[in-house]
Amino acid sequence: MAKINLTVNDKNYTVDVDPKTPLLWVLRDNLGLTGTKYSCGKALCGACTVHLDGKAVRSCTFPVSAVGSASITTIEGLSSDLKHPLQKAWIQEEVSQCGYCQPGQIMTAAALLANKPNPSDEDIDETMSSVLCRCGTYQRIRRAIHVAAEGGVR
């Protein structure tokens, strides 16, 4: 066990965990931030995506000791009141069906928009294909990203 200092959603925490513990489990089990989901456990599906200094990372295989001084943002930290343009676009475009992958989808889309404010369909497809949606709402996801990028959220 080791004491590890983390900044998560602009709040400072100290956790006493095995340094090899995946960040996902520290977020969920130690900090109670359950918006980040566990699915494959192998960094393949994207449900566990969070931001580390704005970069999308798969938290299910990312050891907490590798966070260092980076700032972590989870789906809870994107916007507490659903005012983030992506969250609003997701609701407007009725993206969610089962909803399980949606935190990972939104966090991946937010990282995309931070790097490419006006992504093409190809940019979106390339980036978002790394996050598995079992319900197949990829067309709605693409549309919602365009809506958020264009500021067309009602």
C-alpha atoms as a PDB file:
ATOM      1  CA  MET A   1       0.000   0.000   0.000  1.00  0.00           C
ATOM      2  CA  ALA A   2       1.064   3.565  -0.673  1.00  0.00           C
ATOM      3  CA  LYS A   3      -0.391   6.998  -0.116  1.00  0.00           C
ATOM      4  CA  ILE A   4      -1.103   8.544  -3.495  1.00  0.00           C
ATOM      5  CA  ASN A   5      -2.220  12.115  -4.039  1.00  0.00           C
ATOM      6  CA  LEU A   6      -4.741  12.702  -6.820  1.00  0.00           C
ATOM      7  CA  THR A   7      -6.561  15.659  -8.271  1.00  0.00           C
ATOM      8  CA  VAL A   8      -9.920  14.471  -9.524  1.00  0.00           C
ATOM      9  CA  ASN A   9     -12.544  16.859 -10.893  1.00  0.00           C
ATOM     10  CA  ASP A  10     -10.621  19.798  -9.372  1.00  0.00           C
ATOM     11  CA  LYS A  11     -10.607  18.257  -5.866  1.00  0.00           C
ATOM     12  CA  ASN A  12      -7.556  16.888  -4.071  1.00  0.00           C
ATOM     13  CA  TYR A  13      -7.591  13.399  -2.578  1.00  0.00           C
ATOM     14  CA  THR A  14      -5.125  11.103  -0.855  1.00  0.00           C
ATOM     15  CA  VAL A  15      -5.743   7.391  -1.191  1.00  0.00           C
ATOM     16  CA  ASP A  16      -3.902   4.510   0.449  1.00  0.00           C
ATOM     17  CA  VAL A  17      -3.869   1.769  -2.183  1.00  0.00           C
ATOM     18  CA  ASP A  18      -1.621  -0.701  -3.953  1.00  0.00           C
ATOM     19  CA  PRO A  19       0.186   1.429  -6.571  1.00  0.00           C
ATOM     20  CA  LYS A  20      -0.700  -1.148  -9.248  1.00  0.00           C
ATOM     21  CA  THR A  21      -4.444  -0.693  -8.654  1.00  0.00           C
ATOM     22  CA  PRO A  22      -6.171   0.408 -11.856  1.00  0.00           C
ATOM     23  CA  LEU A  23      -7.340   4.012 -11.704  1.00  0.00           C
ATOM     24  CA  LEU A  24     -10.905   2.830 -12.429  1.00  0.00           C
ATOM     25  CA  TRP A  25     -11.148   1.006  -9.106  1.00  0.00           C
ATOM     26  CA  VAL A  26      -9.673   3.901  -7.144  1.00  0.00           C
ATOM     27  CA  LEU A  27     -12.245   6.235  -8.707  1.00  0.00           C
ATOM     28  CA  ARG A  28     -15.161   3.866  -8.091  1.00  0.00           C
ATOM     29  CA  ASP A  29     -14.251   2.105  -4.854  1.00  0.00           C
ATOM     30  CA  ASN A  30     -12.150   4.660  -2.995  1.00  0.00           C
ATOM     31  CA  LEU A  31     -13.664   7.936  -4.195  1.00  0.00           C
ATOM     32  CA  GLY A  32     -17.243   6.823  -4.908  1.00  0.00           C
ATOM     33  CA  LEU A  33     -17.201   8.205  -8.462  1.00  0.00           C
ATOM     34  CA  THR A  34     -19.209   5.471 -10.149  1.00  0.00           C
ATOM     35  CA  GLY A  35     -19.961   7.248 -13.431  1.00  0.00           C
ATOM     36  CA  THR A  36     -16.874   5.673 -14.992  1.00  0.00           C
ATOM     37  CA  LYS A  37     -17.881   2.151 -15.971  1.00  0.00           C
ATOM     38  CA  TYR A  38     -16.132  -1.229 -15.940  1.00  0.00           C
ATOM     39  CA  SER A  39     -16.778  -3.443 -18.920  1.00  0.00           C
ATOM     40  CA  CYS A  40     -13.955  -5.397 -20.581  1.00  0.00           C
ATOM     41  CA  GLY A  41     -11.100  -4.806 -18.118  1.00  0.00           C
ATOM     42  CA  LYS A  42      -8.610  -4.863 -21.000  1.00  0.00           C
ATOM     43  CA  ALA A  43      -8.788  -1.254 -22.311  1.00  0.00           C
ATOM     44  CA  LEU A  44     -10.589  -2.434 -25.442  1.00  0.00           C
ATOM     45  CA  CYS A  45     -14.170  -1.143 -25.133  1.00  0.00           C
ATOM     46  CA  GLY A  46     -13.739   2.417 -23.824  1.00  0.00           C
ATOM     47  CA  ALA A  47     -16.475   2.397 -21.166  1.00  0.00           C
ATOM     48  CA  CYS A  48     -13.868   3.356 -18.545  1.00  0.00           C
ATOM     49  CA  THR A  49     -12.515   6.414 -20.383  1.00  0.00           C
ATOM     50  CA  VAL A  50     -11.485   9.406 -18.272  1.00  0.00           C
ATOM     51  CA  HIS A  51      -9.269  12.401 -19.008  1.00  0.00           C
ATOM     52  CA  LEU A  52      -5.745  12.739 -17.727  1.00  0.00           C
ATOM     53  CA  ASP A  53      -4.725  16.373 -18.284  1.00  0.00           C
ATOM     54  CA  GLY A  54      -7.340  16.464 -21.048  1.00  0.00           C
ATOM     55  CA  LYS A  55      -6.185  13.298 -22.806  1.00  0.00           C
ATOM     56  CA  ALA A  56      -8.575  10.347 -22.997  1.00  0.00           C
ATOM     57  CA  VAL A  57      -7.205   7.273 -21.190  1.00  0.00           C
ATOM     58  CA  ARG A  58      -8.657   3.864 -20.371  1.00  0.00           C
ATOM     59  CA  SER A  59      -8.771   3.742 -16.593  1.00  0.00           C
ATOM     60  CA  CYS A  60      -9.370  -0.020 -16.276  1.00  0.00           C
ATOM     61  CA  THR A  61      -5.723  -0.829 -17.030  1.00  0.00           C
ATOM     62  CA  PHE A  62      -4.062   2.468 -16.087  1.00  0.00           C
ATOM     63  CA  PRO A  63      -2.210   2.024 -12.761  1.00  0.00           C
ATOM     64  CA  VAL A  64      -3.002   4.743 -10.253  1.00  0.00           C
ATOM     65  CA  SER A  65       0.734   5.183  -9.608  1.00  0.00           C
ATOM     66  CA  ALA A  66       1.170   6.334 -13.231  1.00  0.00           C
ATOM     67  CA  VAL A  67      -1.140   9.337 -12.746  1.00  0.00           C
ATOM     68  CA  GLY A  68       1.620  11.393 -11.152  1.00  0.00           C
ATOM     69  CA  SER A  69       0.667  15.063 -10.910  1.00  0.00           C
ATOM     70  CA  ALA A  70      -1.818  14.915 -13.798  1.00  0.00           C
ATOM     71  CA  SER A  71      -5.342  16.148 -13.262  1.00  0.00           C
ATOM     72  CA  ILE A  72      -8.098  13.561 -13.712  1.00  0.00           C
ATOM     73  CA  THR A  73     -11.541  14.419 -15.068  1.00  0.00           C
ATOM     74  CA  THR A  74     -14.350  11.884 -14.889  1.00  0.00           C
ATOM     75  CA  ILE A  75     -17.826  12.101 -16.384  1.00  0.00           C
ATOM     76  CA  GLU A  76     -18.955  13.610 -13.059  1.00  0.00           C
ATOM     77  CA  GLY A  77     -16.406  16.394 -13.517  1.00  0.00           C
ATOM     78  CA  LEU A  78     -17.345  17.247 -17.083  1.00  0.00           C
ATOM     79  CA  SER A  79     -20.395  19.127 -15.809  1.00  0.00           C
ATOM     80  CA  SER A  80     -22.360  18.552 -12.642  1.00  0.00           C
ATOM     81  CA  ASP A  81     -25.533  20.083 -14.078  1.00  0.00           C
ATOM     82  CA  LEU A  82     -25.564  18.559 -17.597  1.00  0.00           C
ATOM     83  CA  LYS A  83     -24.658  21.914 -19.151  1.00  0.00           C
ATOM     84  CA  HIS A  84     -21.646  20.685 -21.108  1.00  0.00           C
ATOM     85  CA  PRO A  85     -22.421  21.003 -24.838  1.00  0.00           C
ATOM     86  CA  LEU A  86     -21.856  17.278 -25.390  1.00  0.00           C
ATOM     87  CA  GLN A  87     -24.179  16.301 -22.571  1.00  0.00           C
ATOM     88  CA  LYS A  88     -26.836  18.631 -23.929  1.00  0.00           C
ATOM     89  CA  ALA A  89     -26.343  17.307 -27.471  1.00  0.00           C
ATOM     90  CA  TRP A  90     -26.514  13.712 -26.224  1.00  0.00           C
ATOM     91  CA  ILE A  91     -29.890  14.439 -24.658  1.00  0.00           C
ATOM     92  CA  GLN A  92     -31.162  16.457 -27.626  1.00  0.00           C
ATOM     93  CA  GLU A  93     -30.177  13.749 -30.132  1.00  0.00           C
ATOM     94  CA  GLU A  94     -31.445  10.932 -27.886  1.00  0.00           C
ATOM     95  CA  VAL A  95     -28.154   9.070 -28.170  1.00  0.00           C
ATOM     96  CA  SER A  96     -28.507   6.735 -25.211  1.00  0.00           C
ATOM     97  CA  GLN A  97     -30.301   3.446 -25.307  1.00  0.00           C
ATOM     98  CA  CYS A  98     -28.929   1.217 -22.551  1.00  0.00           C
ATOM     99  CA  GLY A  99     -26.537   4.018 -21.551  1.00  0.00           C
ATOM    100  CA  TYR A 100     -23.744   1.821 -20.237  1.00  0.00           C
ATOM    101  CA  CYS A 101     -21.062   3.056 -22.626  1.00  0.00           C
ATOM    102  CA  GLN A 102     -22.181   6.667 -22.588  1.00  0.00           C
ATOM    103  CA  PRO A 103     -19.702   8.030 -20.005  1.00  0.00           C
ATOM    104  CA  GLY A 104     -16.863   6.604 -22.101  1.00  0.00           C
ATOM    105  CA  GLN A 105     -18.439   7.850 -25.322  1.00  0.00           C
ATOM    106  CA  ILE A 106     -18.879  11.377 -23.971  1.00  0.00           C
ATOM    107  CA  MET A 107     -15.399  11.549 -22.444  1.00  0.00           C
ATOM    108  CA  THR A 108     -13.847  10.323 -25.702  1.00  0.00           C
ATOM    109  CA  ALA A 109     -15.898  12.838 -27.690  1.00  0.00           C
ATOM    110  CA  ALA A 110     -14.881  15.657 -25.322  1.00  0.00           C
ATOM    111  CA  ALA A 111     -11.192  14.861 -25.863  1.00  0.00           C
ATOM    112  CA  LEU A 112     -11.800  14.796 -29.626  1.00  0.00           C
ATOM    113  CA  LEU A 113     -13.495  18.212 -29.589  1.00  0.00           C
ATOM    114  CA  ALA A 114     -10.719  19.659 -27.432  1.00  0.00           C
ATOM    115  CA  ASN A 115      -8.219  18.657 -30.129  1.00  0.00           C
ATOM    116  CA  LYS A 116     -10.433  19.172 -33.192  1.00  0.00           C
ATOM    117  CA  PRO A 117     -13.203  21.689 -32.510  1.00  0.00           C
ATOM    118  CA  ASN A 118     -14.811  21.030 -35.911  1.00  0.00           C
ATOM    119  CA  PRO A 119     -14.220  17.353 -36.652  1.00  0.00           C
ATOM    120  CA  SER A 120     -15.196  15.713 -39.921  1.00  0.00           C
ATOM    121  CA  ASP A 121     -17.284  12.552 -40.074  1.00  0.00           C
ATOM    122  CA  GLU A 122     -14.050  10.674 -40.673  1.00  0.00           C
ATOM    123  CA  ASP A 123     -12.426  12.227 -37.575  1.00  0.00           C
ATOM    124  CA  ILE A 124     -15.429  11.275 -35.477  1.00  0.00           C
ATOM    125  CA  ASP A 125     -15.670   7.755 -36.869  1.00  0.00           C
ATOM    126  CA  GLU A 126     -11.953   7.124 -36.391  1.00  0.00           C
ATOM    127  CA  THR A 127     -11.964   8.351 -32.796  1.00  0.00           C
ATOM    128  CA  MET A 128     -15.298   6.979 -31.691  1.00  0.00           C
ATOM    129  CA  SER A 129     -14.790   3.539 -33.229  1.00  0.00           C
ATOM    130  CA  SER A 130     -12.518   2.842 -30.260  1.00  0.00           C
ATOM    131  CA  VAL A 131     -15.516   2.942 -27.896  1.00  0.00           C
ATOM    132  CA  LEU A 132     -17.875   0.005 -28.171  1.00  0.00           C
ATOM    133  CA  CYS A 133     -21.613   0.736 -28.192  1.00  0.00           C
ATOM    134  CA  ARG A 134     -23.507  -2.516 -27.911  1.00  0.00           C
ATOM    135  CA  CYS A 135     -26.738  -0.775 -28.903  1.00  0.00           C
ATOM    136  CA  GLY A 136     -25.212   0.580 -32.126  1.00  0.00           C
ATOM    137  CA  THR A 137     -26.080   4.257 -31.705  1.00  0.00           C
ATOM    138  CA  TYR A 138     -23.046   5.374 -33.714  1.00  0.00           C
ATOM    139  CA  GLN A 139     -25.059   7.568 -36.106  1.00  0.00           C
ATOM    140  CA  ARG A 140     -26.635   9.426 -33.187  1.00  0.00           C
ATOM    141  CA  ILE A 141     -23.247   9.750 -31.523  1.00  0.00           C
ATOM    142  CA  ARG A 142     -21.802  11.302 -34.686  1.00  0.00           C
ATOM    143  CA  ARG A 143     -24.772  13.671 -34.985  1.00  0.00           C
ATOM    144  CA  ALA A 144     -24.497  14.728 -31.335  1.00  0.00           C
ATOM    145  CA  ILE A 145     -20.789  15.480 -31.704  1.00  0.00           C
ATOM    146  CA  HIS A 146     -21.506  17.656 -34.740  1.00  0.00           C
ATOM    147  CA  VAL A 147     -24.315  19.427 -32.856  1.00  0.00           C
ATOM    148  CA  ALA A 148     -22.019  20.146 -29.904  1.00  0.00           C
ATOM    149  CA  ALA A 149     -19.186  21.295 -32.202  1.00  0.00           C
ATOM    150  CA  GLU A 150     -21.475  23.626 -34.131  1.00  0.00           C
ATOM    151  CA  GLY A 151     -23.105  25.042 -30.997  1.00  0.00           C
ATOM    152  CA  GLY A 152     -26.506  23.924 -32.231  1.00  0.00           C
ATOM    153  CA  VAL A 153     -27.731  22.629 -28.894  1.00  0.00           C
ATOM    154  CA  ARG A 154     -31.188  23.874 -28.026  1.00  0.00           C
END
